Amino acid sequence: MSHSNVFLFEGESSWEDLGNGVQRKIFGYDEKLMLVKVKFEKGSVGVLHQHHHSQVTYVESGEFDMTIGDSTKRIKTGDGYYVIPDVVHGVVCIEPGMLIDVFSPQREDFFSK
């Protein structure tokens, strides 16, 4: 079974630049579960997309317009959301911030780069 290190230290891994003001850091995973930190600059967009994974997200900082299906809500520090598998979702960053995403199972596609 492939998995991350047991202890994960902020300074020991680097951010992956996804372009257009968005960066990602995989922070812990095994085949069933994955935690990812995603950093956004003001005005950056997490484009509408869908995937077969369950996703729950915590807003560590910032403010975002989050769309899930046909509903859009303004979310900010301390808020969160759940995305049912295969539902279209995306985010627009209003104030710079960070989202903490948890996926089940792990996002295999994040390792393909």
N, C-alpha and C. Protein backbone atom coordinates (compact mmCIF):
# COMPACT_ATOMS: atom_id res chain seq x y z
N MET A 1 0.84 -1.19 0.00
CA MET A 1 0.00 0.00 0.00
C MET A 1 0.88 1.24 0.00
N SER A 2 0.58 2.17 -0.86
CA SER A 2 1.31 3.43 -0.93
C SER A 2 0.67 4.44 0.03
N HIS A 3 1.52 5.14 0.78
CA HIS A 3 1.00 6.17 1.69
C HIS A 3 2.07 7.22 1.93
N SER A 4 1.62 8.33 2.48
CA SER A 4 2.53 9.41 2.80
C SER A 4 3.33 9.09 4.06
N ASN A 5 4.25 9.97 4.40
CA ASN A 5 4.95 9.86 5.68
C ASN A 5 3.93 9.93 6.81
N VAL A 6 4.29 9.40 7.97
CA VAL A 6 3.40 9.43 9.11
C VAL A 6 3.31 10.85 9.68
N PHE A 7 4.43 11.51 9.84
CA PHE A 7 4.45 12.90 10.30
C PHE A 7 4.70 13.79 9.10
N LEU A 8 3.94 14.90 9.02
CA LEU A 8 4.01 15.81 7.88
C LEU A 8 4.32 17.21 8.39
N PHE A 9 5.45 17.77 7.97
CA PHE A 9 5.88 19.08 8.44
C PHE A 9 5.81 20.08 7.30
N GLU A 10 5.22 21.23 7.57
CA GLU A 10 4.98 22.26 6.55
C GLU A 10 6.23 22.59 5.74
N GLY A 11 7.36 22.74 6.40
CA GLY A 11 8.57 23.16 5.72
C GLY A 11 9.28 22.07 4.92
N GLU A 12 8.79 20.84 4.98
CA GLU A 12 9.49 19.74 4.32
C GLU A 12 8.89 19.33 2.98
N SER A 13 7.88 20.05 2.53
CA SER A 13 7.30 19.77 1.21
C SER A 13 7.05 21.10 0.50
N SER A 14 6.97 21.03 -0.81
CA SER A 14 6.82 22.27 -1.58
C SER A 14 5.43 22.35 -2.21
N TRP A 15 5.06 23.57 -2.56
CA TRP A 15 3.79 23.82 -3.22
C TRP A 15 3.91 23.50 -4.70
N GLU A 16 2.88 22.91 -5.27
CA GLU A 16 2.79 22.67 -6.70
C GLU A 16 2.00 23.84 -7.30
N ASP A 17 2.61 24.55 -8.25
CA ASP A 17 1.95 25.70 -8.88
C ASP A 17 1.01 25.19 -9.96
N LEU A 18 -0.29 25.40 -9.77
CA LEU A 18 -1.28 24.96 -10.75
C LEU A 18 -1.59 26.06 -11.76
N GLY A 19 -0.97 27.23 -11.59
CA GLY A 19 -1.18 28.35 -12.50
C GLY A 19 -2.36 29.22 -12.07
N ASN A 20 -2.38 30.44 -12.59
CA ASN A 20 -3.49 31.38 -12.37
C ASN A 20 -3.79 31.63 -10.89
N GLY A 21 -2.74 31.68 -10.06
CA GLY A 21 -2.91 32.04 -8.66
C GLY A 21 -3.36 30.92 -7.74
N VAL A 22 -3.22 29.66 -8.17
CA VAL A 22 -3.62 28.52 -7.35
C VAL A 22 -2.42 27.61 -7.14
N GLN A 23 -2.19 27.20 -5.88
CA GLN A 23 -1.11 26.27 -5.54
C GLN A 23 -1.68 25.15 -4.68
N ARG A 24 -1.08 23.96 -4.79
CA ARG A 24 -1.57 22.78 -4.07
C ARG A 24 -0.41 22.08 -3.37
N LYS A 25 -0.71 21.53 -2.18
CA LYS A 25 0.25 20.71 -1.45
C LYS A 25 -0.48 19.48 -0.91
N ILE A 26 -0.05 18.30 -1.35
CA ILE A 26 -0.61 17.06 -0.83
C ILE A 26 -0.01 16.86 0.56
N PHE A 27 -0.87 16.64 1.54
CA PHE A 27 -0.39 16.67 2.91
C PHE A 27 -0.56 15.37 3.67
N GLY A 28 -1.12 14.36 3.08
CA GLY A 28 -1.26 13.07 3.75
C GLY A 28 -2.20 12.20 2.96
N TYR A 29 -1.85 10.93 2.78
CA TYR A 29 -2.70 10.08 1.95
C TYR A 29 -2.37 8.60 2.14
N ASP A 30 -3.36 7.80 1.81
CA ASP A 30 -3.18 6.39 1.51
C ASP A 30 -4.19 6.11 0.40
N GLU A 31 -4.43 4.86 0.08
CA GLU A 31 -5.32 4.56 -1.04
C GLU A 31 -6.78 4.94 -0.78
N LYS A 32 -7.16 5.07 0.49
CA LYS A 32 -8.56 5.35 0.84
C LYS A 32 -8.85 6.81 1.16
N LEU A 33 -7.81 7.62 1.41
CA LEU A 33 -8.02 8.96 1.97
C LEU A 33 -6.89 9.89 1.55
N MET A 34 -7.21 11.18 1.36
CA MET A 34 -6.16 12.15 1.01
C MET A 34 -6.55 13.53 1.55
N LEU A 35 -5.57 14.23 2.14
CA LEU A 35 -5.74 15.60 2.59
C LEU A 35 -4.84 16.49 1.74
N VAL A 36 -5.42 17.59 1.23
CA VAL A 36 -4.71 18.49 0.32
C VAL A 36 -4.97 19.93 0.75
N LYS A 37 -3.91 20.73 0.80
CA LYS A 37 -4.03 22.16 1.06
C LYS A 37 -4.00 22.88 -0.29
N VAL A 38 -4.94 23.81 -0.50
CA VAL A 38 -4.99 24.55 -1.76
C VAL A 38 -5.02 26.04 -1.43
N LYS A 39 -4.00 26.75 -1.94
CA LYS A 39 -3.83 28.17 -1.66
C LYS A 39 -4.29 28.99 -2.88
N PHE A 40 -5.08 30.03 -2.63
CA PHE A 40 -5.64 30.86 -3.70
C PHE A 40 -5.27 32.33 -3.52
N GLU A 41 -4.90 32.98 -4.61
CA GLU A 41 -4.75 34.43 -4.64
C GLU A 41 -6.10 35.05 -4.96
N LYS A 42 -6.30 36.30 -4.59
CA LYS A 42 -7.55 37.01 -4.87
C LYS A 42 -7.84 36.96 -6.37
N GLY A 43 -9.07 36.58 -6.71
CA GLY A 43 -9.49 36.52 -8.11
C GLY A 43 -9.21 35.21 -8.81
N SER A 44 -8.45 34.32 -8.17
CA SER A 44 -8.15 33.03 -8.81
C SER A 44 -9.39 32.13 -8.77
N VAL A 45 -9.39 31.15 -9.67
CA VAL A 45 -10.57 30.31 -9.86
C VAL A 45 -10.20 28.83 -9.80
N GLY A 46 -10.94 28.09 -9.03
CA GLY A 46 -10.91 26.63 -9.08
C GLY A 46 -12.03 26.26 -10.05
N VAL A 47 -11.67 25.98 -11.29
CA VAL A 47 -12.66 25.81 -12.37
C VAL A 47 -13.68 24.73 -12.04
N LEU A 48 -14.88 24.89 -12.58
CA LEU A 48 -15.93 23.89 -12.41
C LEU A 48 -15.44 22.54 -12.91
N HIS A 49 -15.63 21.52 -12.10
CA HIS A 49 -15.18 20.18 -12.44
C HIS A 49 -15.99 19.17 -11.63
N GLN A 50 -15.80 17.89 -11.92
CA GLN A 50 -16.43 16.83 -11.13
C GLN A 50 -15.50 15.64 -11.09
N HIS A 51 -15.67 14.80 -10.08
CA HIS A 51 -14.86 13.60 -9.93
C HIS A 51 -15.64 12.58 -9.11
N HIS A 52 -15.20 11.34 -9.16
CA HIS A 52 -15.93 10.26 -8.48
C HIS A 52 -15.64 10.17 -6.98
N HIS A 53 -14.79 11.05 -6.47
CA HIS A 53 -14.41 11.03 -5.06
C HIS A 53 -15.42 11.80 -4.20
N SER A 54 -15.63 11.35 -2.98
CA SER A 54 -16.31 12.17 -1.98
C SER A 54 -15.31 13.24 -1.55
N GLN A 55 -15.82 14.45 -1.26
CA GLN A 55 -14.93 15.54 -0.85
C GLN A 55 -15.59 16.33 0.27
N VAL A 56 -14.80 16.62 1.29
CA VAL A 56 -15.22 17.54 2.33
C VAL A 56 -14.10 18.56 2.48
N THR A 57 -14.47 19.85 2.63
CA THR A 57 -13.48 20.92 2.63
C THR A 57 -13.73 21.87 3.79
N TYR A 58 -12.64 22.31 4.41
CA TYR A 58 -12.65 23.31 5.48
C TYR A 58 -11.96 24.56 4.96
N VAL A 59 -12.57 25.72 5.21
CA VAL A 59 -11.97 27.00 4.80
C VAL A 59 -11.04 27.46 5.92
N GLU A 60 -9.73 27.25 5.71
CA GLU A 60 -8.75 27.66 6.72
C GLU A 60 -8.64 29.18 6.79
N SER A 61 -8.71 29.84 5.63
CA SER A 61 -8.64 31.30 5.59
C SER A 61 -9.22 31.80 4.27
N GLY A 62 -9.55 33.08 4.24
CA GLY A 62 -10.02 33.70 3.01
C GLY A 62 -11.53 33.72 2.88
N GLU A 63 -11.95 34.09 1.66
CA GLU A 63 -13.38 34.18 1.34
C GLU A 63 -13.56 33.75 -0.11
N PHE A 64 -14.59 32.94 -0.35
CA PHE A 64 -14.78 32.32 -1.66
C PHE A 64 -16.25 32.30 -2.04
N ASP A 65 -16.52 32.33 -3.33
CA ASP A 65 -17.85 32.00 -3.85
C ASP A 65 -17.77 30.56 -4.32
N MET A 66 -18.48 29.67 -3.62
CA MET A 66 -18.42 28.24 -3.89
C MET A 66 -19.68 27.79 -4.58
N THR A 67 -19.51 27.12 -5.71
CA THR A 67 -20.65 26.56 -6.45
C THR A 67 -20.60 25.04 -6.33
N ILE A 68 -21.73 24.48 -5.92
CA ILE A 68 -21.90 23.03 -5.87
C ILE A 68 -23.24 22.75 -6.55
N GLY A 69 -23.20 22.03 -7.66
CA GLY A 69 -24.41 21.82 -8.44
C GLY A 69 -24.92 23.15 -8.96
N ASP A 70 -26.19 23.47 -8.70
CA ASP A 70 -26.72 24.76 -9.15
C ASP A 70 -26.86 25.77 -8.03
N SER A 71 -26.11 25.59 -6.93
CA SER A 71 -26.15 26.50 -5.80
C SER A 71 -24.79 27.15 -5.59
N THR A 72 -24.77 28.48 -5.41
CA THR A 72 -23.53 29.20 -5.09
C THR A 72 -23.72 29.94 -3.78
N LYS A 73 -22.76 29.80 -2.88
CA LYS A 73 -22.79 30.45 -1.57
C LYS A 73 -21.45 31.11 -1.30
N ARG A 74 -21.45 32.21 -0.57
CA ARG A 74 -20.23 32.87 -0.11
C ARG A 74 -19.79 32.17 1.16
N ILE A 75 -18.55 31.66 1.17
CA ILE A 75 -18.00 30.97 2.34
C ILE A 75 -16.73 31.69 2.78
N LYS A 76 -16.43 31.59 4.07
CA LYS A 76 -15.26 32.28 4.62
C LYS A 76 -14.61 31.45 5.71
N THR A 77 -13.54 31.96 6.28
CA THR A 77 -12.78 31.28 7.33
C THR A 77 -13.71 30.61 8.34
N GLY A 78 -13.45 29.32 8.57
CA GLY A 78 -14.23 28.56 9.54
C GLY A 78 -15.39 27.79 8.95
N ASP A 79 -15.78 28.11 7.70
CA ASP A 79 -16.87 27.40 7.04
C ASP A 79 -16.35 26.13 6.39
N GLY A 80 -17.25 25.37 5.81
CA GLY A 80 -16.86 24.16 5.10
C GLY A 80 -17.96 23.72 4.17
N TYR A 81 -17.70 22.65 3.42
CA TYR A 81 -18.71 22.10 2.52
C TYR A 81 -18.40 20.65 2.21
N TYR A 82 -19.43 19.96 1.71
CA TYR A 82 -19.33 18.56 1.29
C TYR A 82 -19.78 18.46 -0.16
N VAL A 83 -19.02 17.73 -0.98
CA VAL A 83 -19.37 17.52 -2.38
C VAL A 83 -19.65 16.02 -2.58
N ILE A 84 -20.87 15.73 -3.01
CA ILE A 84 -21.26 14.36 -3.35
C ILE A 84 -20.48 13.93 -4.60
N PRO A 85 -20.05 12.67 -4.69
CA PRO A 85 -19.33 12.23 -5.89
C PRO A 85 -20.08 12.57 -7.18
N ASP A 86 -19.33 12.99 -8.19
CA ASP A 86 -19.81 13.30 -9.54
C ASP A 86 -20.64 14.57 -9.66
N VAL A 87 -20.75 15.38 -8.60
CA VAL A 87 -21.46 16.65 -8.69
C VAL A 87 -20.47 17.74 -9.12
N VAL A 88 -20.89 18.57 -10.07
CA VAL A 88 -20.05 19.66 -10.58
C VAL A 88 -19.88 20.71 -9.49
N HIS A 89 -18.63 21.16 -9.30
CA HIS A 89 -18.35 22.17 -8.29
C HIS A 89 -17.11 22.99 -8.68
N GLY A 90 -16.99 24.18 -8.10
CA GLY A 90 -15.85 25.05 -8.35
C GLY A 90 -15.91 26.25 -7.43
N VAL A 91 -14.84 27.02 -7.44
CA VAL A 91 -14.71 28.12 -6.48
C VAL A 91 -14.06 29.33 -7.14
N VAL A 92 -14.47 30.53 -6.69
CA VAL A 92 -13.84 31.79 -7.08
C VAL A 92 -13.36 32.45 -5.79
N CYS A 93 -12.08 32.82 -5.76
CA CYS A 93 -11.50 33.42 -4.55
C CYS A 93 -11.81 34.92 -4.50
N ILE A 94 -12.49 35.35 -3.45
CA ILE A 94 -12.84 36.76 -3.24
C ILE A 94 -11.75 37.45 -2.42
N GLU A 95 -11.29 36.82 -1.37
CA GLU A 95 -10.17 37.29 -0.55
C GLU A 95 -9.17 36.15 -0.43
N PRO A 96 -7.86 36.42 -0.55
CA PRO A 96 -6.85 35.36 -0.55
C PRO A 96 -7.05 34.39 0.61
N GLY A 97 -6.82 33.12 0.33
CA GLY A 97 -7.02 32.16 1.39
C GLY A 97 -6.59 30.75 1.04
N MET A 98 -6.96 29.83 1.94
CA MET A 98 -6.56 28.43 1.79
C MET A 98 -7.74 27.52 2.13
N LEU A 99 -7.91 26.50 1.29
CA LEU A 99 -8.90 25.46 1.53
C LEU A 99 -8.17 24.17 1.89
N ILE A 100 -8.74 23.42 2.82
CA ILE A 100 -8.20 22.13 3.21
C ILE A 100 -9.20 21.08 2.70
N ASP A 101 -8.80 20.36 1.65
CA ASP A 101 -9.65 19.36 1.01
C ASP A 101 -9.32 17.97 1.52
N VAL A 102 -10.36 17.17 1.76
CA VAL A 102 -10.19 15.77 2.08
C VAL A 102 -10.99 14.97 1.05
N PHE A 103 -10.33 13.99 0.43
CA PHE A 103 -10.94 13.16 -0.60
C PHE A 103 -10.92 11.70 -0.18
N SER A 104 -11.97 10.99 -0.59
CA SER A 104 -12.01 9.55 -0.43
C SER A 104 -12.61 8.95 -1.69
N PRO A 105 -11.91 8.01 -2.34
CA PRO A 105 -10.53 7.59 -2.08
C PRO A 105 -9.55 8.70 -2.51
N GLN A 106 -8.26 8.41 -2.42
CA GLN A 106 -7.24 9.40 -2.80
C GLN A 106 -7.42 9.82 -4.25
N ARG A 107 -6.97 11.03 -4.58
CA ARG A 107 -7.01 11.55 -5.95
C ARG A 107 -5.78 11.05 -6.70
N GLU A 108 -5.90 9.93 -7.38
CA GLU A 108 -4.79 9.36 -8.13
C GLU A 108 -4.27 10.34 -9.16
N ASP A 109 -5.18 11.13 -9.74
CA ASP A 109 -4.79 12.09 -10.78
C ASP A 109 -3.84 13.17 -10.26
N PHE A 110 -3.78 13.40 -8.97
CA PHE A 110 -2.85 14.40 -8.43
C PHE A 110 -1.40 13.93 -8.49
N PHE A 111 -1.18 12.64 -8.67
CA PHE A 111 0.17 12.10 -8.75
C PHE A 111 0.65 11.94 -10.18
N SER A 112 -0.20 12.16 -11.15
CA SER A 112 0.15 11.86 -12.55
C SER A 112 1.01 12.91 -13.22
N LYS A 113 1.29 14.04 -12.53
CA LYS A 113 2.09 15.10 -13.16
C LYS A 113 3.57 14.83 -13.03
